[in-house]
């Protein structure tokens, strides 16, 4: 995983076009709490234009979120503030001071900062943890905790997975590894849940077991859809060929049963 960063570190980061022009600096980072994604940035001017700008930067217009600058294609990437934050609305998402609860209702602490990936995803939070959430021998009260994929901010409360304490870290570099482990575990759990919805192989029909287009193994009964064996004596539609190995018993295609020695030949 690429280097993670704190949302607080993005403040005052310059916004630079691909032509090298510095057009603004980041003021605030705006989140969609439910989606766990940066939606954009509010901006400050630089130099003589210092102070809040009447423009914002939607995430869709960001070329790259770098360690030292936010890169955009050009000035045309800037938009009206409503493109990021609706008029009269506060920024969405996890904000400093929001209460943190586990999905089982245990108070975990409060949000200190938001951890984001270079692709704009919210992958976790730095929180001031309670003793009920992490044991004091963990080392520090301030810890990094992963964000559950299906869990997010609800009002002023942030909900994290109940097993989140297993994946906490004291610093950002260590947390990068924990996020990867947490994501792999969530992916494996999703695959197991999907597998549990499937019909067990031993209960499947041959047609369900065989991938589309795969031929029947030699000697396997033709019981799957479209290849069921025809009752004895039933006539096959004109032009339909008989599967290899099927006795020729239908009208016009029966095997001769009265064949004797060939005429003019002696039977040895």
C-alpha atoms as a PDB file:
ATOM      1  CA  UNK A   1       0.000   0.000   0.000  1.00  0.00           C
ATOM      2  CA  UNK A   2       1.221   3.520  -0.815  1.00  0.00           C
ATOM      3  CA  UNK A   3       2.116   5.867   2.048  1.00  0.00           C
ATOM      4  CA  UNK A   4      -0.817   6.838   4.221  1.00  0.00           C
ATOM      5  CA  UNK A   5      -1.235  10.400   5.445  1.00  0.00           C
ATOM      6  CA  UNK A   6      -3.224  12.348   8.001  1.00  0.00           C
ATOM      7  CA  UNK A   7      -5.932  14.750   6.890  1.00  0.00           C
ATOM      8  CA  UNK A   8      -4.454  17.379   9.207  1.00  0.00           C
ATOM      9  CA  UNK A   9      -1.227  17.199   7.195  1.00  0.00           C
ATOM     10  CA  UNK A  10      -3.095  18.258   4.055  1.00  0.00           C
ATOM     11  CA  UNK A  11      -3.897  21.710   5.470  1.00  0.00           C
ATOM     12  CA  UNK A  12      -1.789  24.419   3.778  1.00  0.00           C
ATOM     13  CA  UNK A  13      -0.512  21.930   1.192  1.00  0.00           C
ATOM     14  CA  UNK A  14      -0.107  23.802  -2.121  1.00  0.00           C
ATOM     15  CA  UNK A  15      -2.418  23.094  -5.044  1.00  0.00           C
ATOM     16  CA  UNK A  16      -0.246  22.993  -8.173  1.00  0.00           C
ATOM     17  CA  UNK A  17      -1.175  22.639 -11.840  1.00  0.00           C
ATOM     18  CA  UNK A  18       0.693  20.247 -14.125  1.00  0.00           C
ATOM     19  CA  UNK A  19       2.236  23.385 -15.672  1.00  0.00           C
ATOM     20  CA  UNK A  20       3.800  24.177 -12.303  1.00  0.00           C
ATOM     21  CA  UNK A  21       1.538  27.089 -11.319  1.00  0.00           C
ATOM     22  CA  UNK A  22       0.610  27.275  -7.618  1.00  0.00           C
ATOM     23  CA  UNK A  23      -3.039  28.363  -7.621  1.00  0.00           C
ATOM     24  CA  UNK A  24      -4.148  27.814  -3.998  1.00  0.00           C
ATOM     25  CA  UNK A  25      -3.528  25.868  -0.827  1.00  0.00           C
ATOM     26  CA  UNK A  26      -5.695  23.373   1.031  1.00  0.00           C
ATOM     27  CA  UNK A  27      -7.857  24.841   3.808  1.00  0.00           C
ATOM     28  CA  UNK A  28     -10.071  21.915   4.897  1.00  0.00           C
ATOM     29  CA  UNK A  29     -10.579  18.334   3.715  1.00  0.00           C
ATOM     30  CA  UNK A  30     -14.211  17.343   3.131  1.00  0.00           C
ATOM     31  CA  UNK A  31     -15.330  13.727   3.555  1.00  0.00           C
ATOM     32  CA  UNK A  32     -18.309  11.589   2.633  1.00  0.00           C
ATOM     33  CA  UNK A  33     -18.580   9.624   5.876  1.00  0.00           C
ATOM     34  CA  UNK A  34     -20.859   6.898   4.509  1.00  0.00           C
ATOM     35  CA  UNK A  35     -18.663   6.231   1.480  1.00  0.00           C
ATOM     36  CA  UNK A  36     -15.396   6.639   3.380  1.00  0.00           C
ATOM     37  CA  UNK A  37     -13.989   8.884   0.676  1.00  0.00           C
ATOM     38  CA  UNK A  38     -12.614  12.420   0.302  1.00  0.00           C
ATOM     39  CA  UNK A  39     -15.115  14.470  -1.698  1.00  0.00           C
ATOM     40  CA  UNK A  40     -12.871  17.504  -2.091  1.00  0.00           C
ATOM     41  CA  UNK A  41     -11.152  20.452  -0.454  1.00  0.00           C
ATOM     42  CA  UNK A  42     -11.975  23.983   0.527  1.00  0.00           C
ATOM     43  CA  UNK A  43      -9.204  26.396  -0.409  1.00  0.00           C
ATOM     44  CA  UNK A  44      -7.222  29.369   0.759  1.00  0.00           C
ATOM     45  CA  UNK A  45      -5.435  31.825  -1.483  1.00  0.00           C
ATOM     46  CA  UNK A  46      -1.696  32.423  -1.376  1.00  0.00           C
ATOM     47  CA  UNK A  47       0.323  35.595  -1.090  1.00  0.00           C
ATOM     48  CA  UNK A  48      -1.791  38.688  -1.762  1.00  0.00           C
ATOM     49  CA  UNK A  49      -4.848  36.451  -2.126  1.00  0.00           C
ATOM     50  CA  UNK A  50      -4.408  34.821   1.290  1.00  0.00           C
ATOM     51  CA  UNK A  51      -7.699  33.944   2.953  1.00  0.00           C
ATOM     52  CA  UNK A  52     -10.638  31.714   2.001  1.00  0.00           C
ATOM     53  CA  UNK A  53     -11.280  31.439  -1.739  1.00  0.00           C
ATOM     54  CA  UNK A  54     -14.721  31.385  -3.304  1.00  0.00           C
ATOM     55  CA  UNK A  55     -13.675  28.224  -5.076  1.00  0.00           C
ATOM     56  CA  UNK A  56     -13.225  24.613  -4.054  1.00  0.00           C
ATOM     57  CA  UNK A  57     -11.467  21.565  -5.433  1.00  0.00           C
ATOM     58  CA  UNK A  58     -13.637  18.475  -6.090  1.00  0.00           C
ATOM     59  CA  UNK A  59     -11.829  15.162  -5.601  1.00  0.00           C
ATOM     60  CA  UNK A  60     -12.772  14.129  -9.156  1.00  0.00           C
ATOM     61  CA  UNK A  61     -10.552  16.952 -10.446  1.00  0.00           C
ATOM     62  CA  UNK A  62      -7.456  15.931  -8.441  1.00  0.00           C
ATOM     63  CA  UNK A  63      -4.659  14.510 -10.567  1.00  0.00           C
ATOM     64  CA  UNK A  64      -2.578  13.257  -7.625  1.00  0.00           C
ATOM     65  CA  UNK A  65      -2.512  13.601  -3.849  1.00  0.00           C
ATOM     66  CA  UNK A  66       1.198  13.816  -3.160  1.00  0.00           C
ATOM     67  CA  UNK A  67       3.285  14.061  -0.043  1.00  0.00           C
ATOM     68  CA  UNK A  68       4.194  17.688  -0.739  1.00  0.00           C
ATOM     69  CA  UNK A  69       1.506  19.006  -3.109  1.00  0.00           C
ATOM     70  CA  UNK A  70      -1.963  18.354  -4.508  1.00  0.00           C
ATOM     71  CA  UNK A  71      -1.649  18.189  -8.281  1.00  0.00           C
ATOM     72  CA  UNK A  72      -4.434  19.278 -10.663  1.00  0.00           C
ATOM     73  CA  UNK A  73      -4.582  19.431 -14.483  1.00  0.00           C
ATOM     74  CA  UNK A  74      -5.103  23.211 -14.547  1.00  0.00           C
ATOM     75  CA  UNK A  75      -7.032  26.158 -13.086  1.00  0.00           C
ATOM     76  CA  UNK A  76     -10.196  24.830 -14.740  1.00  0.00           C
ATOM     77  CA  UNK A  77     -10.225  22.054 -12.098  1.00  0.00           C
ATOM     78  CA  UNK A  78     -11.382  24.564  -9.471  1.00  0.00           C
ATOM     79  CA  UNK A  79     -15.155  24.779  -8.972  1.00  0.00           C
ATOM     80  CA  UNK A  80     -17.873  26.509  -6.978  1.00  0.00           C
ATOM     81  CA  UNK A  81     -17.927  25.651  -3.250  1.00  0.00           C
ATOM     82  CA  UNK A  82     -21.257  23.830  -3.673  1.00  0.00           C
ATOM     83  CA  UNK A  83     -19.420  21.229  -5.763  1.00  0.00           C
ATOM     84  CA  UNK A  84     -17.769  20.027  -2.550  1.00  0.00           C
ATOM     85  CA  UNK A  85     -19.923  21.259   0.348  1.00  0.00           C
ATOM     86  CA  UNK A  86     -23.594  22.083  -0.088  1.00  0.00           C
ATOM     87  CA  UNK A  87     -24.475  25.668   0.736  1.00  0.00           C
ATOM     88  CA  UNK A  88     -25.022  26.172   4.467  1.00  0.00           C
ATOM     89  CA  UNK A  89     -23.795  22.674   5.295  1.00  0.00           C
ATOM     90  CA  UNK A  90     -20.802  21.730   7.412  1.00  0.00           C
ATOM     91  CA  UNK A  91     -18.259  19.309   6.029  1.00  0.00           C
ATOM     92  CA  UNK A  92     -19.290  15.681   6.267  1.00  0.00           C
ATOM     93  CA  UNK A  93     -17.366  12.825   7.758  1.00  0.00           C
ATOM     94  CA  UNK A  94     -15.312  12.104  10.830  1.00  0.00           C
ATOM     95  CA  UNK A  95     -14.346  15.373  12.455  1.00  0.00           C
ATOM     96  CA  UNK A  96     -12.014  15.919  15.417  1.00  0.00           C
ATOM     97  CA  UNK A  97     -13.877  15.346  18.661  1.00  0.00           C
ATOM     98  CA  UNK A  98     -16.469  12.909  17.250  1.00  0.00           C
ATOM     99  CA  UNK A  99     -17.231  10.059  19.647  1.00  0.00           C
ATOM    100  CA  UNK A 100     -16.000   6.592  18.623  1.00  0.00           C
ATOM    101  CA  UNK A 101     -18.100   3.495  19.374  1.00  0.00           C
ATOM    102  CA  UNK A 102     -17.643  -0.160  18.449  1.00  0.00           C
ATOM    103  CA  UNK A 103     -20.484  -1.868  16.609  1.00  0.00           C
ATOM    104  CA  UNK A 104     -21.341  -3.552  19.933  1.00  0.00           C
ATOM    105  CA  UNK A 105     -21.788  -0.189  21.652  1.00  0.00           C
ATOM    106  CA  UNK A 106     -18.500   0.038  23.575  1.00  0.00           C
ATOM    107  CA  UNK A 107     -17.085   3.559  23.770  1.00  0.00           C
ATOM    108  CA  UNK A 108     -13.644   3.541  22.168  1.00  0.00           C
ATOM    109  CA  UNK A 109     -12.665   7.190  22.482  1.00  0.00           C
ATOM    110  CA  UNK A 110     -12.829  10.263  20.247  1.00  0.00           C
ATOM    111  CA  UNK A 111     -11.452  11.187  16.828  1.00  0.00           C
ATOM    112  CA  UNK A 112      -8.193  13.124  16.704  1.00  0.00           C
ATOM    113  CA  UNK A 113      -7.466  12.826  12.981  1.00  0.00           C
ATOM    114  CA  UNK A 114      -8.406  10.967   9.786  1.00  0.00           C
ATOM    115  CA  UNK A 115      -6.056   8.619   7.905  1.00  0.00           C
ATOM    116  CA  UNK A 116      -6.352   8.772   4.116  1.00  0.00           C
ATOM    117  CA  UNK A 117      -4.748   6.888   1.244  1.00  0.00           C
ATOM    118  CA  UNK A 118      -3.400   8.594  -1.905  1.00  0.00           C
ATOM    119  CA  UNK A 119      -6.518   7.446  -3.798  1.00  0.00           C
ATOM    120  CA  UNK A 120      -8.732   9.448  -1.429  1.00  0.00           C
ATOM    121  CA  UNK A 121     -10.067   6.550   0.628  1.00  0.00           C
ATOM    122  CA  UNK A 122     -10.518   6.945   4.365  1.00  0.00           C
ATOM    123  CA  UNK A 123      -8.754   3.872   5.762  1.00  0.00           C
ATOM    124  CA  UNK A 124      -8.704   4.674   9.457  1.00  0.00           C
ATOM    125  CA  UNK A 125      -8.578   7.193  12.258  1.00  0.00           C
ATOM    126  CA  UNK A 126      -6.250   8.396  14.950  1.00  0.00           C
ATOM    127  CA  UNK A 127      -8.256   8.356  18.154  1.00  0.00           C
ATOM    128  CA  UNK A 128      -7.839   9.137  21.822  1.00  0.00           C
ATOM    129  CA  UNK A 129      -8.659   5.626  23.061  1.00  0.00           C
ATOM    130  CA  UNK A 130     -10.416   4.631  26.262  1.00  0.00           C
ATOM    131  CA  UNK A 131      -9.086   1.921  28.564  1.00  0.00           C
ATOM    132  CA  UNK A 132     -12.112  -0.194  27.619  1.00  0.00           C
ATOM    133  CA  UNK A 133     -10.952  -0.168  23.990  1.00  0.00           C
ATOM    134  CA  UNK A 134      -7.213  -0.794  24.374  1.00  0.00           C
ATOM    135  CA  UNK A 135      -5.287  -1.963  27.412  1.00  0.00           C
ATOM    136  CA  UNK A 136      -2.923   0.551  28.930  1.00  0.00           C
ATOM    137  CA  UNK A 137       0.021  -1.791  28.326  1.00  0.00           C
ATOM    138  CA  UNK A 138      -0.485  -1.098  24.627  1.00  0.00           C
ATOM    139  CA  UNK A 139       1.729   1.902  25.218  1.00  0.00           C
ATOM    140  CA  UNK A 140      -0.205   5.073  24.412  1.00  0.00           C
ATOM    141  CA  UNK A 141      -3.704   6.479  24.681  1.00  0.00           C
ATOM    142  CA  UNK A 142      -3.512   7.838  21.125  1.00  0.00           C
ATOM    143  CA  UNK A 143      -3.761   4.968  18.620  1.00  0.00           C
ATOM    144  CA  UNK A 144      -4.600   4.378  14.970  1.00  0.00           C
ATOM    145  CA  UNK A 145      -7.668   2.237  14.272  1.00  0.00           C
ATOM    146  CA  UNK A 146      -8.937   0.890  10.899  1.00  0.00           C
ATOM    147  CA  UNK A 147     -12.237   1.883   9.354  1.00  0.00           C
ATOM    148  CA  UNK A 148     -14.737  -0.910   8.689  1.00  0.00           C
ATOM    149  CA  UNK A 149     -15.884  -1.009   5.066  1.00  0.00           C
ATOM    150  CA  UNK A 150     -19.587  -1.022   5.974  1.00  0.00           C
ATOM    151  CA  UNK A 151     -19.304   1.255   9.000  1.00  0.00           C
ATOM    152  CA  UNK A 152     -19.003   4.997   9.069  1.00  0.00           C
ATOM    153  CA  UNK A 153     -20.033   8.171  10.812  1.00  0.00           C
ATOM    154  CA  UNK A 154     -23.602   8.420  12.056  1.00  0.00           C
ATOM    155  CA  UNK A 155     -24.392  11.919  13.295  1.00  0.00           C
ATOM    156  CA  UNK A 156     -21.563  12.739  15.670  1.00  0.00           C
ATOM    157  CA  UNK A 157     -20.599   9.125  16.407  1.00  0.00           C
ATOM    158  CA  UNK A 158     -18.075   7.057  14.504  1.00  0.00           C
ATOM    159  CA  UNK A 159     -18.670   3.291  14.494  1.00  0.00           C
ATOM    160  CA  UNK A 160     -15.708   0.928  14.128  1.00  0.00           C
ATOM    161  CA  UNK A 161     -15.602  -2.905  13.972  1.00  0.00           C
ATOM    162  CA  UNK A 162     -15.676  -4.774  17.293  1.00  0.00           C
ATOM    163  CA  UNK A 163     -12.384  -6.513  16.478  1.00  0.00           C
ATOM    164  CA  UNK A 164     -10.657  -3.205  15.654  1.00  0.00           C
ATOM    165  CA  UNK A 165      -8.440  -3.378  18.801  1.00  0.00           C
ATOM    166  CA  UNK A 166      -6.627  -6.305  17.192  1.00  0.00           C
ATOM    167  CA  UNK A 167      -5.441  -4.001  14.398  1.00  0.00           C
ATOM    168  CA  UNK A 168      -4.488  -0.810  16.243  1.00  0.00           C
ATOM    169  CA  UNK A 169      -1.028   0.746  15.913  1.00  0.00           C
ATOM    170  CA  UNK A 170       0.938   3.448  17.687  1.00  0.00           C
ATOM    171  CA  UNK A 171       2.362   5.115  14.568  1.00  0.00           C
ATOM    172  CA  UNK A 172       1.456   5.620  10.929  1.00  0.00           C
ATOM    173  CA  UNK A 173       4.132   3.354   9.358  1.00  0.00           C
ATOM    174  CA  UNK A 174       3.038   0.440  11.553  1.00  0.00           C
ATOM    175  CA  UNK A 175      -0.595   1.219  10.828  1.00  0.00           C
ATOM    176  CA  UNK A 176       0.015   0.790   7.084  1.00  0.00           C
ATOM    177  CA  UNK A 177       0.755  -2.895   7.685  1.00  0.00           C
ATOM    178  CA  UNK A 178      -2.257  -3.271   9.985  1.00  0.00           C
ATOM    179  CA  UNK A 179      -4.555  -1.780   7.340  1.00  0.00           C
ATOM    180  CA  UNK A 180      -3.308  -4.321   4.785  1.00  0.00           C
ATOM    181  CA  UNK A 181      -3.915  -7.204   7.217  1.00  0.00           C
ATOM    182  CA  UNK A 182      -7.359  -5.854   8.102  1.00  0.00           C
ATOM    183  CA  UNK A 183      -8.316  -5.486   4.415  1.00  0.00           C
ATOM    184  CA  UNK A 184      -7.120  -9.029   3.620  1.00  0.00           C
ATOM    185  CA  UNK A 185      -9.158 -10.414   6.507  1.00  0.00           C
ATOM    186  CA  UNK A 186     -12.277  -8.540   5.348  1.00  0.00           C
ATOM    187  CA  UNK A 187     -11.785  -9.828   1.791  1.00  0.00           C
ATOM    188  CA  UNK A 188     -11.420 -13.428   3.007  1.00  0.00           C
ATOM    189  CA  UNK A 189     -14.561 -13.086   5.123  1.00  0.00           C
ATOM    190  CA  UNK A 190     -16.471 -11.813   2.084  1.00  0.00           C
ATOM    191  CA  UNK A 191     -15.310 -14.770   0.000  1.00  0.00           C
ATOM    192  CA  UNK A 192     -16.378 -17.210   2.722  1.00  0.00           C
ATOM    193  CA  UNK A 193     -19.796 -15.562   2.914  1.00  0.00           C
ATOM    194  CA  UNK A 194     -20.164 -15.851  -0.862  1.00  0.00           C
ATOM    195  CA  UNK A 195     -19.127 -19.499  -0.796  1.00  0.00           C
ATOM    196  CA  UNK A 196     -21.736 -20.182   1.890  1.00  0.00           C
ATOM    197  CA  UNK A 197     -24.477 -19.085  -0.527  1.00  0.00           C
ATOM    198  CA  UNK A 198     -23.472 -21.655  -3.121  1.00  0.00           C
ATOM    199  CA  UNK A 199     -25.015 -25.129  -3.456  1.00  0.00           C
ATOM    200  CA  UNK A 200     -22.605 -27.805  -2.127  1.00  0.00           C
ATOM    201  CA  UNK A 201     -20.965 -29.731  -4.973  1.00  0.00           C
ATOM    202  CA  UNK A 202     -22.373 -33.040  -3.771  1.00  0.00           C
ATOM    203  CA  UNK A 203     -25.906 -31.567  -4.040  1.00  0.00           C
ATOM    204  CA  UNK A 204     -25.432 -30.027  -7.462  1.00  0.00           C
ATOM    205  CA  UNK A 205     -26.774 -31.527 -10.666  1.00  0.00           C
ATOM    206  CA  UNK A 206     -24.214 -32.423 -13.341  1.00  0.00           C
ATOM    207  CA  UNK A 207     -25.295 -29.317 -15.279  1.00  0.00           C
ATOM    208  CA  UNK A 208     -24.522 -27.113 -12.238  1.00  0.00           C
ATOM    209  CA  UNK A 209     -21.155 -28.753 -11.713  1.00  0.00           C
ATOM    210  CA  UNK A 210     -20.034 -28.472 -15.332  1.00  0.00           C
ATOM    211  CA  UNK A 211     -18.937 -24.958 -16.481  1.00  0.00           C
ATOM    212  CA  UNK A 212     -20.755 -23.639 -19.540  1.00  0.00           C
ATOM    213  CA  UNK A 213     -19.364 -25.143 -22.719  1.00  0.00           C
ATOM    214  CA  UNK A 214     -17.362 -27.889 -20.986  1.00  0.00           C
ATOM    215  CA  UNK A 215     -17.923 -31.328 -22.511  1.00  0.00           C
ATOM    216  CA  UNK A 216     -19.056 -34.408 -20.616  1.00  0.00           C
ATOM    217  CA  UNK A 217     -16.346 -36.813 -19.518  1.00  0.00           C
ATOM    218  CA  UNK A 218     -16.254 -40.095 -21.485  1.00  0.00           C
ATOM    219  CA  UNK A 219     -18.764 -42.480 -19.981  1.00  0.00           C
ATOM    220  CA  UNK A 220     -20.555 -39.863 -17.860  1.00  0.00           C
ATOM    221  CA  UNK A 221     -24.352 -40.172 -18.169  1.00  0.00           C
ATOM    222  CA  UNK A 222     -25.905 -37.462 -20.327  1.00  0.00           C
ATOM    223  CA  UNK A 223     -28.185 -36.062 -17.641  1.00  0.00           C
ATOM    224  CA  UNK A 224     -27.569 -32.331 -17.876  1.00  0.00           C
ATOM    225  CA  UNK A 225     -29.955 -29.904 -19.558  1.00  0.00           C
ATOM    226  CA  UNK A 226     -30.298 -30.357 -23.287  1.00  0.00           C
ATOM    227  CA  UNK A 227     -28.529 -33.735 -23.292  1.00  0.00           C
ATOM    228  CA  UNK A 228     -30.880 -35.977 -21.344  1.00  0.00           C
ATOM    229  CA  UNK A 229     -30.912 -39.505 -22.787  1.00  0.00           C
ATOM    230  CA  UNK A 230     -33.979 -40.187 -24.946  1.00  0.00           C
ATOM    231  CA  UNK A 231     -36.316 -43.006 -23.893  1.00  0.00           C
ATOM    232  CA  UNK A 232     -35.821 -46.234 -25.814  1.00  0.00           C
ATOM    233  CA  UNK A 233     -37.542 -46.184 -29.193  1.00  0.00           C
ATOM    234  CA  UNK A 234     -38.307 -42.452 -29.206  1.00  0.00           C
ATOM    235  CA  UNK A 235     -37.751 -40.950 -32.629  1.00  0.00           C
ATOM    236  CA  UNK A 236     -35.044 -38.337 -33.020  1.00  0.00           C
ATOM    237  CA  UNK A 237     -35.946 -35.173 -34.995  1.00  0.00           C
ATOM    238  CA  UNK A 238     -34.760 -35.301 -38.583  1.00  0.00           C
ATOM    239  CA  UNK A 239     -31.138 -34.261 -38.913  1.00  0.00           C
ATOM    240  CA  UNK A 240     -30.215 -34.542 -35.230  1.00  0.00           C
ATOM    241  CA  UNK A 241     -27.126 -36.623 -34.739  1.00  0.00           C
ATOM    242  CA  UNK A 242     -26.869 -39.355 -32.164  1.00  0.00           C
ATOM    243  CA  UNK A 243     -24.375 -38.730 -29.291  1.00  0.00           C
ATOM    244  CA  UNK A 244     -21.359 -40.973 -29.482  1.00  0.00           C
ATOM    245  CA  UNK A 245     -22.078 -44.319 -27.884  1.00  0.00           C
ATOM    246  CA  UNK A 246     -25.879 -44.037 -27.843  1.00  0.00           C
ATOM    247  CA  UNK A 247     -27.549 -47.151 -29.317  1.00  0.00           C
ATOM    248  CA  UNK A 248     -29.249 -46.483 -32.633  1.00  0.00           C
ATOM    249  CA  UNK A 249     -32.772 -47.476 -31.641  1.00  0.00           C
ATOM    250  CA  UNK A 250     -34.965 -44.753 -33.132  1.00  0.00           C
ATOM    251  CA  UNK A 251     -36.827 -45.039 -36.411  1.00  0.00           C
ATOM    252  CA  UNK A 252     -34.632 -44.802 -39.436  1.00  0.00           C
ATOM    253  CA  UNK A 253     -31.497 -45.046 -37.385  1.00  0.00           C
ATOM    254  CA  UNK A 254     -31.756 -48.453 -35.748  1.00  0.00           C
ATOM    255  CA  UNK A 255     -28.885 -50.875 -35.794  1.00  0.00           C
ATOM    256  CA  UNK A 256     -29.487 -54.046 -37.844  1.00  0.00           C
ATOM    257  CA  UNK A 257     -30.119 -57.049 -35.707  1.00  0.00           C
ATOM    258  CA  UNK A 258     -30.723 -59.503 -38.554  1.00  0.00           C
ATOM    259  CA  UNK A 259     -27.273 -59.262 -40.058  1.00  0.00           C
ATOM    260  CA  UNK A 260     -25.883 -62.664 -41.011  1.00  0.00           C
ATOM    261  CA  UNK A 261     -23.057 -63.805 -43.242  1.00  0.00           C
ATOM    262  CA  UNK A 262     -22.563 -61.595 -46.256  1.00  0.00           C
ATOM    263  CA  UNK A 263     -24.185 -62.848 -49.410  1.00  0.00           C
ATOM    264  CA  UNK A 264     -21.829 -64.862 -51.619  1.00  0.00           C
ATOM    265  CA  UNK A 265     -19.484 -65.509 -48.739  1.00  0.00           C
ATOM    266  CA  UNK A 266     -19.047 -68.637 -46.740  1.00  0.00           C
ATOM    267  CA  UNK A 267     -19.533 -68.409 -43.042  1.00  0.00           C
ATOM    268  CA  UNK A 268     -16.322 -69.500 -41.453  1.00  0.00           C
END
